[in-house]
Amino acid sequence: MAKQLADRIDSITLQSNEQKAILSSMIEGIVATDNKGMITRINPAARKILDIDNEDIVDKQVQELVTNKDLEEYFKNYLNNQKLGIQEI
């Protein structure tokens, strides 16, 4: 049982590291939120686009960092409709 748990933890850690590497290397800005609008992940490109320094913004509301009206409207519509939030802005 302990071996299975250790293997599962290793697998999850590997997946998380792969995900971080992919997001970090993308030139597109990616902001991931939960269904309440709390930021769960943000990549370096999104930080640059949104002019966010290295402050810790995970677990903050996405509206706290968005100053672009189009983005603000997009996030508001997404949170109100709870639809898949993939869109190019």
N, C-alpha and C. Protein backbone atom coordinates (compact mmCIF):
# COMPACT_ATOMS: atom_id res chain seq x y z
N MET A 1 0.82 -1.20 0.00
CA MET A 1 0.00 0.00 0.00
C MET A 1 0.87 1.27 0.00
N ALA A 2 1.92 1.27 0.81
CA ALA A 2 2.80 2.43 0.88
C ALA A 2 3.50 2.65 -0.45
N LYS A 3 3.88 1.56 -1.12
CA LYS A 3 4.53 1.68 -2.42
C LYS A 3 3.59 2.28 -3.44
N GLN A 4 2.32 1.87 -3.44
CA GLN A 4 1.33 2.43 -4.37
C GLN A 4 1.14 3.92 -4.11
N LEU A 5 1.07 4.30 -2.85
CA LEU A 5 0.91 5.71 -2.50
C LEU A 5 2.12 6.52 -2.96
N ALA A 6 3.30 6.01 -2.72
CA ALA A 6 4.53 6.70 -3.15
C ALA A 6 4.57 6.83 -4.66
N ASP A 7 4.18 5.77 -5.37
CA ASP A 7 4.14 5.82 -6.84
C ASP A 7 3.14 6.86 -7.32
N ARG A 8 2.00 6.93 -6.68
CA ARG A 8 0.96 7.91 -7.07
C ARG A 8 1.45 9.33 -6.81
N ILE A 9 2.08 9.56 -5.69
CA ILE A 9 2.62 10.89 -5.38
C ILE A 9 3.69 11.28 -6.40
N ASP A 10 4.56 10.33 -6.76
CA ASP A 10 5.58 10.59 -7.78
C ASP A 10 4.94 10.95 -9.12
N SER A 11 3.90 10.25 -9.48
CA SER A 11 3.20 10.50 -10.74
C SER A 11 2.55 11.89 -10.76
N ILE A 12 1.92 12.25 -9.67
CA ILE A 12 1.28 13.58 -9.57
C ILE A 12 2.34 14.68 -9.61
N THR A 13 3.46 14.47 -8.92
CA THR A 13 4.55 15.45 -8.92
C THR A 13 5.11 15.62 -10.32
N LEU A 14 5.30 14.53 -11.04
CA LEU A 14 5.80 14.59 -12.40
C LEU A 14 4.84 15.36 -13.30
N GLN A 15 3.55 15.06 -13.20
CA GLN A 15 2.54 15.76 -14.00
C GLN A 15 2.54 17.25 -13.69
N SER A 16 2.64 17.61 -12.43
CA SER A 16 2.65 19.02 -12.04
C SER A 16 3.88 19.72 -12.59
N ASN A 17 5.03 19.08 -12.51
CA ASN A 17 6.26 19.67 -13.04
C ASN A 17 6.20 19.84 -14.55
N GLU A 18 5.62 18.86 -15.25
CA GLU A 18 5.46 18.97 -16.70
C GLU A 18 4.54 20.13 -17.05
N GLN A 19 3.45 20.26 -16.32
CA GLN A 19 2.49 21.34 -16.56
C GLN A 19 3.15 22.70 -16.34
N LYS A 20 3.91 22.84 -15.28
CA LYS A 20 4.62 24.09 -15.00
C LYS A 20 5.61 24.42 -16.11
N ALA A 21 6.33 23.41 -16.59
CA ALA A 21 7.31 23.63 -17.65
C ALA A 21 6.64 24.08 -18.94
N ILE A 22 5.53 23.47 -19.28
CA ILE A 22 4.80 23.84 -20.49
C ILE A 22 4.28 25.27 -20.38
N LEU A 23 3.62 25.59 -19.28
CA LEU A 23 3.07 26.93 -19.11
C LEU A 23 4.16 28.00 -19.09
N SER A 24 5.29 27.70 -18.47
CA SER A 24 6.37 28.67 -18.38
C SER A 24 7.01 28.96 -19.73
N SER A 25 6.97 28.00 -20.63
CA SER A 25 7.63 28.17 -21.92
C SER A 25 6.71 28.76 -22.99
N MET A 26 5.44 28.91 -22.71
CA MET A 26 4.49 29.44 -23.70
C MET A 26 4.65 30.95 -23.85
N ILE A 27 4.46 31.44 -25.07
CA ILE A 27 4.50 32.88 -25.28
C ILE A 27 3.11 33.50 -25.08
N GLU A 28 2.08 32.67 -25.10
CA GLU A 28 0.73 33.15 -24.84
C GLU A 28 0.54 33.30 -23.34
N GLY A 29 -0.23 34.31 -22.97
CA GLY A 29 -0.53 34.51 -21.55
C GLY A 29 -1.65 33.59 -21.12
N ILE A 30 -1.43 32.85 -20.06
CA ILE A 30 -2.42 31.90 -19.55
C ILE A 30 -2.73 32.26 -18.10
N VAL A 31 -4.02 32.47 -17.82
CA VAL A 31 -4.50 32.67 -16.45
C VAL A 31 -5.56 31.61 -16.22
N ALA A 32 -5.34 30.75 -15.24
CA ALA A 32 -6.32 29.72 -14.90
C ALA A 32 -7.02 30.13 -13.61
N THR A 33 -8.35 29.99 -13.61
CA THR A 33 -9.13 30.33 -12.43
C THR A 33 -10.05 29.17 -12.07
N ASP A 34 -10.49 29.18 -10.83
CA ASP A 34 -11.52 28.23 -10.45
C ASP A 34 -12.88 28.83 -10.80
N ASN A 35 -13.94 28.15 -10.46
CA ASN A 35 -15.28 28.64 -10.83
C ASN A 35 -15.73 29.86 -10.05
N LYS A 36 -14.94 30.30 -9.08
CA LYS A 36 -15.27 31.51 -8.32
C LYS A 36 -14.41 32.70 -8.73
N GLY A 37 -13.55 32.48 -9.74
CA GLY A 37 -12.71 33.56 -10.22
C GLY A 37 -11.41 33.73 -9.46
N MET A 38 -11.07 32.74 -8.64
CA MET A 38 -9.80 32.78 -7.91
C MET A 38 -8.70 32.22 -8.81
N ILE A 39 -7.61 32.93 -8.91
CA ILE A 39 -6.50 32.51 -9.76
C ILE A 39 -5.86 31.26 -9.17
N THR A 40 -5.73 30.24 -10.01
CA THR A 40 -5.07 29.01 -9.59
C THR A 40 -3.68 28.87 -10.20
N ARG A 41 -3.49 29.44 -11.39
CA ARG A 41 -2.18 29.44 -12.06
C ARG A 41 -2.09 30.64 -12.98
N ILE A 42 -0.88 31.13 -13.15
CA ILE A 42 -0.62 32.20 -14.11
C ILE A 42 0.80 32.00 -14.62
N ASN A 43 0.97 32.12 -15.93
CA ASN A 43 2.30 31.90 -16.47
C ASN A 43 3.05 33.23 -16.63
N PRO A 44 4.37 33.18 -16.85
CA PRO A 44 5.16 34.40 -16.96
C PRO A 44 4.69 35.34 -18.08
N ALA A 45 4.24 34.78 -19.19
CA ALA A 45 3.76 35.63 -20.29
C ALA A 45 2.53 36.43 -19.85
N ALA A 46 1.62 35.82 -19.12
CA ALA A 46 0.44 36.53 -18.63
C ALA A 46 0.85 37.62 -17.63
N ARG A 47 1.81 37.32 -16.80
CA ARG A 47 2.30 38.33 -15.85
C ARG A 47 2.84 39.54 -16.61
N LYS A 48 3.58 39.28 -17.71
CA LYS A 48 4.15 40.37 -18.49
C LYS A 48 3.04 41.16 -19.19
N ILE A 49 2.10 40.45 -19.81
CA ILE A 49 0.99 41.10 -20.52
C ILE A 49 0.17 41.97 -19.58
N LEU A 50 -0.09 41.45 -18.39
CA LEU A 50 -0.92 42.15 -17.41
C LEU A 50 -0.12 43.07 -16.50
N ASP A 51 1.17 43.16 -16.75
CA ASP A 51 2.06 44.03 -15.98
C ASP A 51 2.00 43.71 -14.48
N ILE A 52 2.20 42.44 -14.18
CA ILE A 52 2.19 41.98 -12.79
C ILE A 52 3.61 41.57 -12.44
N ASP A 53 4.13 42.11 -11.35
CA ASP A 53 5.47 41.72 -10.94
C ASP A 53 5.42 40.33 -10.30
N ASN A 54 6.40 39.98 -9.56
CA ASN A 54 6.48 38.63 -8.99
C ASN A 54 5.67 38.44 -7.72
N GLU A 55 4.76 39.35 -7.45
CA GLU A 55 3.94 39.17 -6.25
C GLU A 55 3.10 37.90 -6.38
N ASP A 56 2.77 37.35 -5.25
CA ASP A 56 1.97 36.12 -5.23
C ASP A 56 0.51 36.49 -5.42
N ILE A 57 -0.04 36.13 -6.58
CA ILE A 57 -1.44 36.46 -6.86
C ILE A 57 -2.32 35.23 -6.93
N VAL A 58 -1.73 34.06 -6.73
CA VAL A 58 -2.55 32.85 -6.68
C VAL A 58 -3.48 32.95 -5.49
N ASP A 59 -4.71 32.53 -5.68
CA ASP A 59 -5.78 32.60 -4.68
C ASP A 59 -6.33 34.01 -4.50
N LYS A 60 -6.07 34.90 -5.46
CA LYS A 60 -6.70 36.22 -5.47
C LYS A 60 -7.73 36.24 -6.59
N GLN A 61 -8.68 37.12 -6.48
CA GLN A 61 -9.69 37.28 -7.53
C GLN A 61 -9.06 37.82 -8.80
N VAL A 62 -9.45 37.28 -9.94
CA VAL A 62 -8.88 37.71 -11.21
C VAL A 62 -9.18 39.18 -11.47
N GLN A 63 -10.31 39.68 -10.99
CA GLN A 63 -10.66 41.09 -11.20
C GLN A 63 -9.69 42.04 -10.49
N GLU A 64 -8.96 41.55 -9.50
CA GLU A 64 -8.00 42.38 -8.80
C GLU A 64 -6.80 42.75 -9.67
N LEU A 65 -6.53 41.96 -10.71
CA LEU A 65 -5.35 42.23 -11.52
C LEU A 65 -5.67 42.71 -12.92
N VAL A 66 -6.92 42.62 -13.34
CA VAL A 66 -7.28 42.99 -14.70
C VAL A 66 -7.66 44.46 -14.77
N THR A 67 -6.93 45.20 -15.60
CA THR A 67 -7.25 46.62 -15.80
C THR A 67 -7.76 46.87 -17.22
N ASN A 68 -7.64 45.86 -18.09
CA ASN A 68 -8.14 45.95 -19.45
C ASN A 68 -9.65 45.69 -19.44
N LYS A 69 -10.43 46.61 -19.97
CA LYS A 69 -11.90 46.49 -19.93
C LYS A 69 -12.40 45.26 -20.68
N ASP A 70 -11.77 44.92 -21.82
CA ASP A 70 -12.20 43.73 -22.56
C ASP A 70 -11.98 42.47 -21.74
N LEU A 71 -10.81 42.37 -21.11
CA LEU A 71 -10.53 41.22 -20.26
C LEU A 71 -11.46 41.18 -19.06
N GLU A 72 -11.68 42.32 -18.46
CA GLU A 72 -12.57 42.39 -17.30
C GLU A 72 -13.97 41.90 -17.67
N GLU A 73 -14.47 42.34 -18.81
CA GLU A 73 -15.80 41.93 -19.27
C GLU A 73 -15.83 40.43 -19.57
N TYR A 74 -14.76 39.94 -20.19
CA TYR A 74 -14.68 38.51 -20.49
C TYR A 74 -14.75 37.68 -19.21
N PHE A 75 -13.93 38.04 -18.21
CA PHE A 75 -13.93 37.29 -16.96
C PHE A 75 -15.28 37.38 -16.25
N LYS A 76 -15.89 38.55 -16.28
CA LYS A 76 -17.19 38.71 -15.65
C LYS A 76 -18.23 37.81 -16.32
N ASN A 77 -18.25 37.80 -17.65
CA ASN A 77 -19.18 36.94 -18.38
C ASN A 77 -18.91 35.46 -18.11
N TYR A 78 -17.64 35.11 -18.08
CA TYR A 78 -17.28 33.72 -17.82
C TYR A 78 -17.75 33.29 -16.44
N LEU A 79 -17.51 34.11 -15.44
CA LEU A 79 -17.88 33.74 -14.08
C LEU A 79 -19.40 33.69 -13.92
N ASN A 80 -20.12 34.56 -14.61
CA ASN A 80 -21.58 34.55 -14.50
C ASN A 80 -22.21 33.38 -15.23
N ASN A 81 -21.61 32.98 -16.36
CA ASN A 81 -22.21 31.92 -17.18
C ASN A 81 -21.63 30.54 -16.90
N GLN A 82 -20.46 30.49 -16.25
CA GLN A 82 -19.79 29.23 -15.92
C GLN A 82 -19.60 28.36 -17.15
N LYS A 83 -19.27 28.98 -18.28
CA LYS A 83 -19.00 28.23 -19.51
C LYS A 83 -17.50 28.11 -19.68
N LEU A 84 -17.10 27.15 -20.51
CA LEU A 84 -15.69 26.92 -20.77
C LEU A 84 -15.04 28.23 -21.21
N GLY A 85 -13.99 28.61 -20.53
CA GLY A 85 -13.40 29.93 -20.74
C GLY A 85 -12.17 29.94 -21.63
N ILE A 86 -12.31 29.46 -22.84
CA ILE A 86 -11.20 29.51 -23.77
C ILE A 86 -11.55 30.51 -24.85
N GLN A 87 -10.79 31.58 -24.91
CA GLN A 87 -11.07 32.63 -25.87
C GLN A 87 -9.82 33.47 -26.06
N GLU A 88 -9.61 33.88 -27.30
CA GLU A 88 -8.49 34.76 -27.58
C GLU A 88 -8.97 36.20 -27.46
N ILE A 89 -8.20 37.01 -26.77
CA ILE A 89 -8.59 38.42 -26.57
C ILE A 89 -7.54 39.29 -27.19
